[in-house]
C-alpha atoms as a PDB file:
ATOM      1  CA  MET A   1     -15.865  23.192  42.067  1.00  0.00           C
ATOM      2  CA  ARG A   2     -13.266  24.779  39.828  1.00  0.00           C
ATOM      3  CA  PHE A   3     -11.358  22.834  37.240  1.00  0.00           C
ATOM      4  CA  ASN A   4      -9.800  25.576  35.122  1.00  0.00           C
ATOM      5  CA  ASN A   5      -6.575  25.618  37.163  1.00  0.00           C
ATOM      6  CA  LYS A   6      -5.854  21.922  36.708  1.00  0.00           C
ATOM      7  CA  ALA A   7      -2.409  21.131  35.323  1.00  0.00           C
ATOM      8  CA  PRO A   8      -2.411  19.661  31.792  1.00  0.00           C
ATOM      9  CA  LEU A   9      -2.193  15.886  31.633  1.00  0.00           C
ATOM     10  CA  GLU A  10       0.855  14.722  29.690  1.00  0.00           C
ATOM     11  CA  ILE A  11       0.155  11.327  28.132  1.00  0.00           C
ATOM     12  CA  LEU A  12       2.931  11.090  25.534  1.00  0.00           C
ATOM     13  CA  LYS A  13       6.212  12.992  25.594  1.00  0.00           C
ATOM     14  CA  ASP A  14       9.564  12.973  23.793  1.00  0.00           C
ATOM     15  CA  LEU A  15       8.293  10.053  21.740  1.00  0.00           C
ATOM     16  CA  ASP A  16      10.158   9.146  18.559  1.00  0.00           C
ATOM     17  CA  PHE A  17       8.971   6.205  16.494  1.00  0.00           C
ATOM     18  CA  SER A  18       9.399   4.942  12.932  1.00  0.00           C
ATOM     19  CA  LEU A  19       7.924   2.027  11.001  1.00  0.00           C
ATOM     20  CA  ASP A  20       9.336   0.328   7.914  1.00  0.00           C
ATOM     21  CA  GLN A  21       7.322  -1.205   5.109  1.00  0.00           C
ATOM     22  CA  GLY A  22       6.382  -4.784   5.911  1.00  0.00           C
ATOM     23  CA  GLU A  23       7.360  -4.431   9.562  1.00  0.00           C
ATOM     24  CA  THR A  24       5.171  -5.724  12.394  1.00  0.00           C
ATOM     25  CA  VAL A  25       5.411  -4.025  15.792  1.00  0.00           C
ATOM     26  CA  ALA A  26       3.632  -4.755  19.056  1.00  0.00           C
ATOM     27  CA  ILE A  27       3.009  -1.989  21.586  1.00  0.00           C
ATOM     28  CA  VAL A  28       2.429  -3.146  25.153  1.00  0.00           C
ATOM     29  CA  GLY A  29       2.012  -1.426  28.498  1.00  0.00           C
ATOM     30  CA  SER A  30      -0.294  -1.194  31.472  1.00  0.00           C
ATOM     31  CA  SER A  31      -3.959  -0.223  31.085  1.00  0.00           C
ATOM     32  CA  GLY A  32      -4.587   3.513  30.814  1.00  0.00           C
ATOM     33  CA  ILE A  33      -0.978   4.310  29.953  1.00  0.00           C
ATOM     34  CA  GLY A  34      -1.866   5.836  26.559  1.00  0.00           C
ATOM     35  CA  LYS A  35      -1.522   2.995  24.043  1.00  0.00           C
ATOM     36  CA  THR A  36      -4.852   3.694  22.342  1.00  0.00           C
ATOM     37  CA  THR A  37      -4.132   7.430  22.317  1.00  0.00           C
ATOM     38  CA  LEU A  38      -0.833   6.737  20.571  1.00  0.00           C
ATOM     39  CA  LEU A  39      -2.532   4.495  18.016  1.00  0.00           C
ATOM     40  CA  ASN A  40      -5.219   7.125  17.394  1.00  0.00           C
ATOM     41  CA  ILE A  41      -2.546   9.763  16.768  1.00  0.00           C
ATOM     42  CA  LEU A  42      -0.649   7.467  14.393  1.00  0.00           C
ATOM     43  CA  GLY A  43      -3.946   6.808  12.625  1.00  0.00           C
ATOM     44  CA  THR A  44      -4.728  10.561  12.446  1.00  0.00           C
ATOM     45  CA  LEU A  45      -7.918  10.074  14.467  1.00  0.00           C
ATOM     46  CA  GLU A  46      -6.502  12.459  17.085  1.00  0.00           C
ATOM     47  CA  LYS A  47      -4.005  15.296  16.805  1.00  0.00           C
ATOM     48  CA  PRO A  48      -1.189  15.760  19.325  1.00  0.00           C
ATOM     49  CA  SER A  49      -0.725  19.096  21.054  1.00  0.00           C
ATOM     50  CA  ALA A  50       2.794  19.222  19.600  1.00  0.00           C
ATOM     51  CA  GLY A  51       5.019  17.215  17.283  1.00  0.00           C
ATOM     52  CA  GLU A  52       5.100  15.945  13.722  1.00  0.00           C
ATOM     53  CA  LEU A  53       3.802  12.838  12.004  1.00  0.00           C
ATOM     54  CA  PHE A  54       5.353  11.856   8.694  1.00  0.00           C
ATOM     55  CA  PHE A  55       4.192   9.411   6.048  1.00  0.00           C
ATOM     56  CA  LYS A  56       7.127   9.048   3.692  1.00  0.00           C
ATOM     57  CA  ASP A  57       8.246  12.688   3.271  1.00  0.00           C
ATOM     58  CA  ASP A  58       4.978  14.432   4.115  1.00  0.00           C
ATOM     59  CA  ASN A  59       4.027  15.816   7.515  1.00  0.00           C
ATOM     60  CA  ILE A  60       0.401  14.734   7.416  1.00  0.00           C
ATOM     61  CA  LEU A  61      -0.566  16.815  10.447  1.00  0.00           C
ATOM     62  CA  THR A  62      -0.353  19.865   8.185  1.00  0.00           C
ATOM     63  CA  LEU A  63      -3.140  18.563   5.906  1.00  0.00           C
ATOM     64  CA  ASN A  64      -6.594  20.109   6.084  1.00  0.00           C
ATOM     65  CA  GLU A  65      -9.403  17.952   7.467  1.00  0.00           C
ATOM     66  CA  THR A  66     -10.790  16.938   4.065  1.00  0.00           C
ATOM     67  CA  THR A  67      -7.404  15.896   2.693  1.00  0.00           C
ATOM     68  CA  LEU A  68      -6.537  14.178   5.968  1.00  0.00           C
ATOM     69  CA  ALA A  69      -9.776  12.175   5.904  1.00  0.00           C
ATOM     70  CA  SER A  70      -8.998  11.042   2.348  1.00  0.00           C
ATOM     71  CA  PHE A  71      -5.443  10.093   3.350  1.00  0.00           C
ATOM     72  CA  ARG A  72      -6.756   8.089   6.311  1.00  0.00           C
ATOM     73  CA  ASN A  73      -9.330   6.292   4.183  1.00  0.00           C
ATOM     74  CA  ARG A  74      -6.850   5.265   1.505  1.00  0.00           C
ATOM     75  CA  THR A  75      -3.665   4.691   3.512  1.00  0.00           C
ATOM     76  CA  ILE A  76      -4.615   3.324   6.932  1.00  0.00           C
ATOM     77  CA  GLY A  77      -6.671   0.292   7.883  1.00  0.00           C
ATOM     78  CA  PHE A  78      -8.077  -0.029  11.404  1.00  0.00           C
ATOM     79  CA  VAL A  79      -8.993  -3.113  13.419  1.00  0.00           C
ATOM     80  CA  PHE A  80     -10.368  -2.465  16.896  1.00  0.00           C
ATOM     81  CA  GLN A  81     -11.101  -4.664  19.900  1.00  0.00           C
ATOM     82  CA  PHE A  82     -14.803  -4.279  19.143  1.00  0.00           C
ATOM     83  CA  HIS A  83     -15.497  -4.891  15.480  1.00  0.00           C
ATOM     84  CA  HIS A  84     -17.750  -1.815  14.964  1.00  0.00           C
ATOM     85  CA  LEU A  85     -19.590  -3.499  12.115  1.00  0.00           C
ATOM     86  CA  LEU A  86     -22.994  -2.133  11.106  1.00  0.00           C
ATOM     87  CA  SER A  87     -25.596  -4.691  12.162  1.00  0.00           C
ATOM     88  CA  GLU A  88     -28.112  -3.777   9.465  1.00  0.00           C
ATOM     89  CA  PHE A  89     -25.691  -4.699   6.677  1.00  0.00           C
ATOM     90  CA  SER A  90     -24.246  -7.989   5.482  1.00  0.00           C
ATOM     91  CA  ALA A  91     -20.609  -9.018   5.824  1.00  0.00           C
ATOM     92  CA  LEU A  92     -19.892  -8.015   2.235  1.00  0.00           C
ATOM     93  CA  GLU A  93     -21.679  -4.676   2.576  1.00  0.00           C
ATOM     94  CA  ASN A  94     -19.704  -3.839   5.706  1.00  0.00           C
ATOM     95  CA  ILE A  95     -16.437  -4.589   3.938  1.00  0.00           C
ATOM     96  CA  ILE A  96     -17.055  -2.294   0.966  1.00  0.00           C
ATOM     97  CA  ILE A  97     -18.225   0.751   2.982  1.00  0.00           C
ATOM     98  CA  PRO A  98     -14.755   2.438   3.094  1.00  0.00           C
ATOM     99  CA  GLY A  99     -14.517   2.081  -0.679  1.00  0.00           C
ATOM    100  CA  LEU A 100     -17.967   3.540  -1.227  1.00  0.00           C
ATOM    101  CA  ILE A 101     -17.000   6.506   0.959  1.00  0.00           C
ATOM    102  CA  ALA A 102     -13.921   6.999  -1.234  1.00  0.00           C
ATOM    103  CA  GLY A 103     -16.056   6.916  -4.378  1.00  0.00           C
ATOM    104  CA  ALA A 104     -14.571   3.690  -5.763  1.00  0.00           C
ATOM    105  CA  ALA A 105     -16.507   1.643  -8.311  1.00  0.00           C
ATOM    106  CA  LYS A 106     -18.956  -0.650  -6.531  1.00  0.00           C
ATOM    107  CA  GLU A 107     -18.455  -3.572  -8.916  1.00  0.00           C
ATOM    108  CA  GLN A 108     -14.703  -3.624  -8.290  1.00  0.00           C
ATOM    109  CA  LEU A 109     -15.245  -3.254  -4.550  1.00  0.00           C
ATOM    110  CA  ILE A 110     -17.547  -6.271  -4.515  1.00  0.00           C
ATOM    111  CA  GLU A 111     -15.008  -8.300  -6.469  1.00  0.00           C
ATOM    112  CA  ASP A 112     -12.224  -7.303  -4.066  1.00  0.00           C
ATOM    113  CA  ALA A 113     -14.433  -7.965  -1.025  1.00  0.00           C
ATOM    114  CA  LEU A 114     -15.332 -11.450  -2.237  1.00  0.00           C
ATOM    115  CA  GLU A 115     -11.638 -12.200  -2.727  1.00  0.00           C
ATOM    116  CA  LEU A 116     -10.889 -11.002   0.815  1.00  0.00           C
ATOM    117  CA  LEU A 117     -13.746 -13.071   2.230  1.00  0.00           C
ATOM    118  CA  SER A 118     -12.286 -16.099   0.490  1.00  0.00           C
ATOM    119  CA  ARG A 119      -8.813 -15.393   1.888  1.00  0.00           C
ATOM    120  CA  ILE A 120     -10.124 -15.107   5.447  1.00  0.00           C
ATOM    121  CA  GLY A 121     -12.193 -18.285   5.153  1.00  0.00           C
ATOM    122  CA  LEU A 122     -15.624 -16.666   4.945  1.00  0.00           C
ATOM    123  CA  ALA A 123     -16.482 -17.077   1.276  1.00  0.00           C
ATOM    124  CA  ASN A 124     -19.805 -18.679   2.188  1.00  0.00           C
ATOM    125  CA  ARG A 125     -20.755 -15.935   4.680  1.00  0.00           C
ATOM    126  CA  SER A 126     -20.810 -12.874   2.427  1.00  0.00           C
ATOM    127  CA  SER A 127     -24.577 -12.339   2.616  1.00  0.00           C
ATOM    128  CA  HIS A 128     -24.913 -13.070   6.330  1.00  0.00           C
ATOM    129  CA  GLN A 129     -25.914 -10.252   8.669  1.00  0.00           C
ATOM    130  CA  VAL A 130     -23.511  -9.309  11.458  1.00  0.00           C
ATOM    131  CA  GLY A 131     -25.716 -10.957  14.091  1.00  0.00           C
ATOM    132  CA  GLU A 132     -25.454 -14.255  12.231  1.00  0.00           C
ATOM    133  CA  LEU A 133     -21.661 -14.319  12.571  1.00  0.00           C
ATOM    134  CA  SER A 134     -19.608 -15.526  15.532  1.00  0.00           C
ATOM    135  CA  GLY A 135     -17.284 -13.142  17.361  1.00  0.00           C
ATOM    136  CA  GLY A 136     -14.271 -14.478  15.500  1.00  0.00           C
ATOM    137  CA  GLU A 137     -16.061 -14.193  12.160  1.00  0.00           C
ATOM    138  CA  GLN A 138     -17.070 -10.616  12.925  1.00  0.00           C
ATOM    139  CA  GLN A 139     -13.461  -9.721  13.705  1.00  0.00           C
ATOM    140  CA  ARG A 140     -12.305 -11.346  10.468  1.00  0.00           C
ATOM    141  CA  VAL A 141     -14.863  -9.268   8.565  1.00  0.00           C
ATOM    142  CA  SER A 142     -13.551  -6.138  10.282  1.00  0.00           C
ATOM    143  CA  LEU A 143     -10.054  -7.118   9.122  1.00  0.00           C
ATOM    144  CA  ALA A 144     -11.294  -7.472   5.546  1.00  0.00           C
ATOM    145  CA  ARG A 145     -12.965  -4.064   5.847  1.00  0.00           C
ATOM    146  CA  ALA A 146      -9.625  -2.614   7.001  1.00  0.00           C
ATOM    147  CA  LEU A 147      -7.917  -4.062   3.919  1.00  0.00           C
ATOM    148  CA  ILE A 148     -10.476  -3.229   1.211  1.00  0.00           C
ATOM    149  CA  MET A 149      -8.711   0.021   0.241  1.00  0.00           C
ATOM    150  CA  LYS A 150      -5.341  -1.752   0.032  1.00  0.00           C
ATOM    151  CA  PRO A 151      -3.772   0.438   2.745  1.00  0.00           C
ATOM    152  CA  SER A 152      -0.076   0.784   3.452  1.00  0.00           C
ATOM    153  CA  ILE A 153      -0.540   0.674   7.229  1.00  0.00           C
ATOM    154  CA  LEU A 154      -2.654  -1.560   9.457  1.00  0.00           C
ATOM    155  CA  LEU A 155      -3.368  -0.399  13.012  1.00  0.00           C
ATOM    156  CA  ALA A 156      -4.854  -2.972  15.368  1.00  0.00           C
ATOM    157  CA  ASP A 157      -6.017  -2.042  18.873  1.00  0.00           C
ATOM    158  CA  GLU A 158      -6.402  -5.163  21.039  1.00  0.00           C
ATOM    159  CA  PRO A 159      -7.903  -7.063  18.060  1.00  0.00           C
ATOM    160  CA  THR A 160      -8.002 -10.347  19.995  1.00  0.00           C
ATOM    161  CA  GLY A 161      -8.909  -8.940  23.402  1.00  0.00           C
ATOM    162  CA  ASN A 162     -12.626  -9.634  23.057  1.00  0.00           C
ATOM    163  CA  LEU A 163     -12.197 -13.215  21.829  1.00  0.00           C
ATOM    164  CA  ASP A 164     -11.529 -16.557  23.483  1.00  0.00           C
ATOM    165  CA  PRO A 165      -7.839 -17.613  23.373  1.00  0.00           C
ATOM    166  CA  LYS A 166      -8.175 -20.073  20.468  1.00  0.00           C
ATOM    167  CA  THR A 167     -10.226 -17.726  18.287  1.00  0.00           C
ATOM    168  CA  GLY A 168      -7.986 -14.806  19.244  1.00  0.00           C
ATOM    169  CA  GLU A 169      -4.907 -16.672  18.093  1.00  0.00           C
ATOM    170  CA  GLN A 170      -6.617 -17.516  14.790  1.00  0.00           C
ATOM    171  CA  VAL A 171      -7.447 -13.857  14.188  1.00  0.00           C
ATOM    172  CA  PHE A 172      -3.917 -12.855  15.169  1.00  0.00           C
ATOM    173  CA  ASP A 173      -2.388 -15.369  12.751  1.00  0.00           C
ATOM    174  CA  LEU A 174      -4.694 -14.077  10.025  1.00  0.00           C
ATOM    175  CA  ILE A 175      -3.529 -10.502  10.617  1.00  0.00           C
ATOM    176  CA  ILE A 176       0.095 -11.628  10.244  1.00  0.00           C
ATOM    177  CA  GLU A 177      -0.776 -13.588   7.113  1.00  0.00           C
ATOM    178  CA  MET A 178      -2.482 -10.538   5.582  1.00  0.00           C
ATOM    179  CA  ASN A 179       0.491  -8.367   6.586  1.00  0.00           C
ATOM    180  CA  GLU A 180       2.811 -10.609   4.598  1.00  0.00           C
ATOM    181  CA  LEU A 181       0.399 -11.020   1.688  1.00  0.00           C
ATOM    182  CA  TYR A 182      -0.161  -7.289   1.178  1.00  0.00           C
ATOM    183  CA  ALA A 183       3.271  -6.025   2.357  1.00  0.00           C
ATOM    184  CA  LEU A 184       1.629  -3.969   5.089  1.00  0.00           C
ATOM    185  CA  SER A 185       3.255  -2.137   7.959  1.00  0.00           C
ATOM    186  CA  THR A 186       1.383  -3.295  11.060  1.00  0.00           C
ATOM    187  CA  ILE A 187       1.231  -1.853  14.565  1.00  0.00           C
ATOM    188  CA  MET A 188      -0.683  -3.871  17.129  1.00  0.00           C
ATOM    189  CA  VAL A 189      -1.566  -2.801  20.661  1.00  0.00           C
ATOM    190  CA  THR A 190      -1.949  -5.895  22.817  1.00  0.00           C
ATOM    191  CA  HIS A 191      -1.749  -7.201  26.371  1.00  0.00           C
ATOM    192  CA  ASN A 192      -0.916 -10.686  25.105  1.00  0.00           C
ATOM    193  CA  MET A 193       2.857 -11.093  25.350  1.00  0.00           C
ATOM    194  CA  VAL A 194       2.736 -14.554  23.774  1.00  0.00           C
ATOM    195  CA  LEU A 195       1.266 -13.024  20.611  1.00  0.00           C
ATOM    196  CA  ALA A 196       3.473  -9.921  20.816  1.00  0.00           C
ATOM    197  CA  LYS A 197       6.583 -12.107  20.652  1.00  0.00           C
ATOM    198  CA  LYS A 198       5.481 -13.352  17.222  1.00  0.00           C
ATOM    199  CA  LEU A 199       5.914  -9.874  15.721  1.00  0.00           C
ATOM    200  CA  ASN A 200       9.171  -8.381  14.434  1.00  0.00           C
ATOM    201  CA  SER A 201       9.609  -6.239  17.527  1.00  0.00           C
ATOM    202  CA  CYS A 202       7.855  -5.149  20.706  1.00  0.00           C
ATOM    203  CA  LEU A 203       7.814  -1.709  22.342  1.00  0.00           C
ATOM    204  CA  THR A 204       6.624  -0.900  25.846  1.00  0.00           C
ATOM    205  CA  LEU A 205       4.866   2.411  26.461  1.00  0.00           C
ATOM    206  CA  ASP A 206       5.766   3.759  29.890  1.00  0.00           C
ATOM    207  CA  ASN A 207       5.767   7.273  31.299  1.00  0.00           C
ATOM    208  CA  GLY A 208       4.885   8.702  27.904  1.00  0.00           C
ATOM    209  CA  LYS A 209       7.816   7.110  26.084  1.00  0.00           C
ATOM    210  CA  LEU A 210       8.413   3.962  24.051  1.00  0.00           C
ATOM    211  CA  HIS A 211      11.100   1.521  25.182  1.00  0.00           C
ATOM    212  CA  LYS A 212      12.282  -1.476  23.183  1.00  0.00           C
ATOM    213  CA  THR A 213      11.139  -4.678  24.879  1.00  0.00           C
ATOM    214  CA  PHE A 214      12.639  -7.108  22.367  1.00  0.00           C
END
């Protein structure tokens, strides 16, 4: 079979999007439409075939890989549907890993991590291994890990999709609380329209473009 003559697959096109400091935006749309791809591009995990991506006045797609990795580590926090915590480490150790990668002082990282654990209601779980935490607790730890570098932007990809409704709503409310506390700009991909309506605005991704839902 030959595949080299296949037409390119256009996932996103003519897409223009901006985010203000402190703003919370939900992105919704049918499965497989490209929501995660969009989030990965905004988070610099993937590069688009064309276009520009600005943070303040800088087109960050022009940065080399080393500089881009440093920008991502210090500026963007990620929360995914699956927590992606390292099972061999404790809650506290998982939280400080981004800071250790950045070369930050371990003592300050531990202090900041303990403060975050307190804010998310897990002050007494810092030394617990990942397997000793519930699904909701694991997702809260992943949120703390996303915030340890004090990022400007929080990207959340279906952060409540793997949780039961009550726990999912608790995690969602915590994300909004942290957004307000740290003056973050938050983009959340979700299928949950009830939760999406709690954000400042909601955009629907359809046919490669974003349309304002409300």
